[in-house]
Amino acid sequence: WKVADNDPEIAGYIKTANNDRFFLATIRNAGHMVPYDQPRAMLNLLERFLSSQPKSP
């Protein structure tokens, strides 16, 4: 997924399972301190999770 449609870089990848009830998110270029390494991508992922829309539109 991309944080914004016009971003040149891919922020990460989201895999879903069991009719989108479970998902695995990977944020590119981030270590174990994701909010420090990739703050925009982490905030976007958190907002998607809280709104129950982890997948890209």
C-alpha atoms as a PDB file:
ATOM      1  CA  TRP A   1       0.000   0.000   0.000  1.00  0.00           C
ATOM      2  CA  LYS A   2       0.968   3.649  -0.332  1.00  0.00           C
ATOM      3  CA  VAL A   3       0.326   6.315   2.298  1.00  0.00           C
ATOM      4  CA  ALA A   4      -1.032   8.648  -0.404  1.00  0.00           C
ATOM      5  CA  ASP A   5      -1.949   7.864  -3.997  1.00  0.00           C
ATOM      6  CA  ASN A   6       0.703  10.227  -5.360  1.00  0.00           C
ATOM      7  CA  ASP A   7       3.556   8.813  -3.228  1.00  0.00           C
ATOM      8  CA  PRO A   8       6.356   7.322  -5.338  1.00  0.00           C
ATOM      9  CA  GLU A   9       7.289   4.701  -2.711  1.00  0.00           C
ATOM     10  CA  ILE A  10       5.360   1.703  -1.470  1.00  0.00           C
ATOM     11  CA  ALA A  11       4.901   1.990   2.313  1.00  0.00           C
ATOM     12  CA  GLY A  12       4.451  -1.731   2.867  1.00  0.00           C
ATOM     13  CA  TYR A  13       2.348  -4.796   2.268  1.00  0.00           C
ATOM     14  CA  ILE A  14      -0.872  -6.085   3.816  1.00  0.00           C
ATOM     15  CA  LYS A  15      -2.020  -9.711   3.659  1.00  0.00           C
ATOM     16  CA  THR A  16      -5.514 -10.665   4.785  1.00  0.00           C
ATOM     17  CA  ALA A  17      -7.092 -13.982   5.730  1.00  0.00           C
ATOM     18  CA  ASN A  18     -10.385 -15.416   6.912  1.00  0.00           C
ATOM     19  CA  ASN A  19     -12.631 -12.909   5.100  1.00  0.00           C
ATOM     20  CA  ASP A  20     -10.470  -9.950   6.165  1.00  0.00           C
ATOM     21  CA  ARG A  21     -10.791 -10.779   9.872  1.00  0.00           C
ATOM     22  CA  PHE A  22      -7.019 -11.188  10.248  1.00  0.00           C
ATOM     23  CA  PHE A  23      -4.235  -9.293   8.592  1.00  0.00           C
ATOM     24  CA  LEU A  24      -0.468  -9.147   8.561  1.00  0.00           C
ATOM     25  CA  ALA A  25       1.148  -5.803   7.802  1.00  0.00           C
ATOM     26  CA  THR A  26       4.765  -5.262   6.823  1.00  0.00           C
ATOM     27  CA  ILE A  27       6.202  -1.757   6.700  1.00  0.00           C
ATOM     28  CA  ARG A  28       9.185  -1.378   4.393  1.00  0.00           C
ATOM     29  CA  ASN A  29      12.508   0.025   5.620  1.00  0.00           C
ATOM     30  CA  ALA A  30      11.561  -0.214   9.292  1.00  0.00           C
ATOM     31  CA  GLY A  31      13.188  -2.064  12.146  1.00  0.00           C
ATOM     32  CA  HIS A  32      11.673  -2.875  15.522  1.00  0.00           C
ATOM     33  CA  MET A  33      11.096   0.858  16.189  1.00  0.00           C
ATOM     34  CA  VAL A  34       8.602   1.368  13.370  1.00  0.00           C
ATOM     35  CA  PRO A  35       7.167   4.714  14.610  1.00  0.00           C
ATOM     36  CA  TYR A  36      10.701   6.113  14.690  1.00  0.00           C
ATOM     37  CA  ASP A  37      11.838   4.602  11.373  1.00  0.00           C
ATOM     38  CA  GLN A  38       8.689   5.190   9.289  1.00  0.00           C
ATOM     39  CA  PRO A  39       6.333   7.580  11.144  1.00  0.00           C
ATOM     40  CA  ARG A  40       4.022   8.399   8.190  1.00  0.00           C
ATOM     41  CA  ALA A  41       3.513   4.760   7.270  1.00  0.00           C
ATOM     42  CA  MET A  42       2.949   3.755  10.901  1.00  0.00           C
ATOM     43  CA  LEU A  43       0.347   6.481  11.457  1.00  0.00           C
ATOM     44  CA  ASN A  44      -1.439   5.525   8.246  1.00  0.00           C
ATOM     45  CA  LEU A  45      -1.451   1.846   9.206  1.00  0.00           C
ATOM     46  CA  LEU A  46      -2.765   2.649  12.683  1.00  0.00           C
ATOM     47  CA  GLU A  47      -5.550   4.807  11.226  1.00  0.00           C
ATOM     48  CA  ARG A  48      -6.487   2.012   8.807  1.00  0.00           C
ATOM     49  CA  PHE A  49      -6.541  -0.533  11.639  1.00  0.00           C
ATOM     50  CA  LEU A  50      -8.692   1.637  13.912  1.00  0.00           C
ATOM     51  CA  SER A  51     -11.167   2.326  11.108  1.00  0.00           C
ATOM     52  CA  SER A  52     -11.269  -1.428  10.284  1.00  0.00           C
ATOM     53  CA  GLN A  53     -10.030  -0.810   6.738  1.00  0.00           C
ATOM     54  CA  PRO A  54      -6.546  -2.329   6.590  1.00  0.00           C
ATOM     55  CA  LYS A  55      -6.608  -2.895   2.843  1.00  0.00           C
ATOM     56  CA  SER A  56      -6.000  -0.239   0.235  1.00  0.00           C
ATOM     57  CA  PRO A  57      -9.114   1.307  -1.309  1.00  0.00           C
END
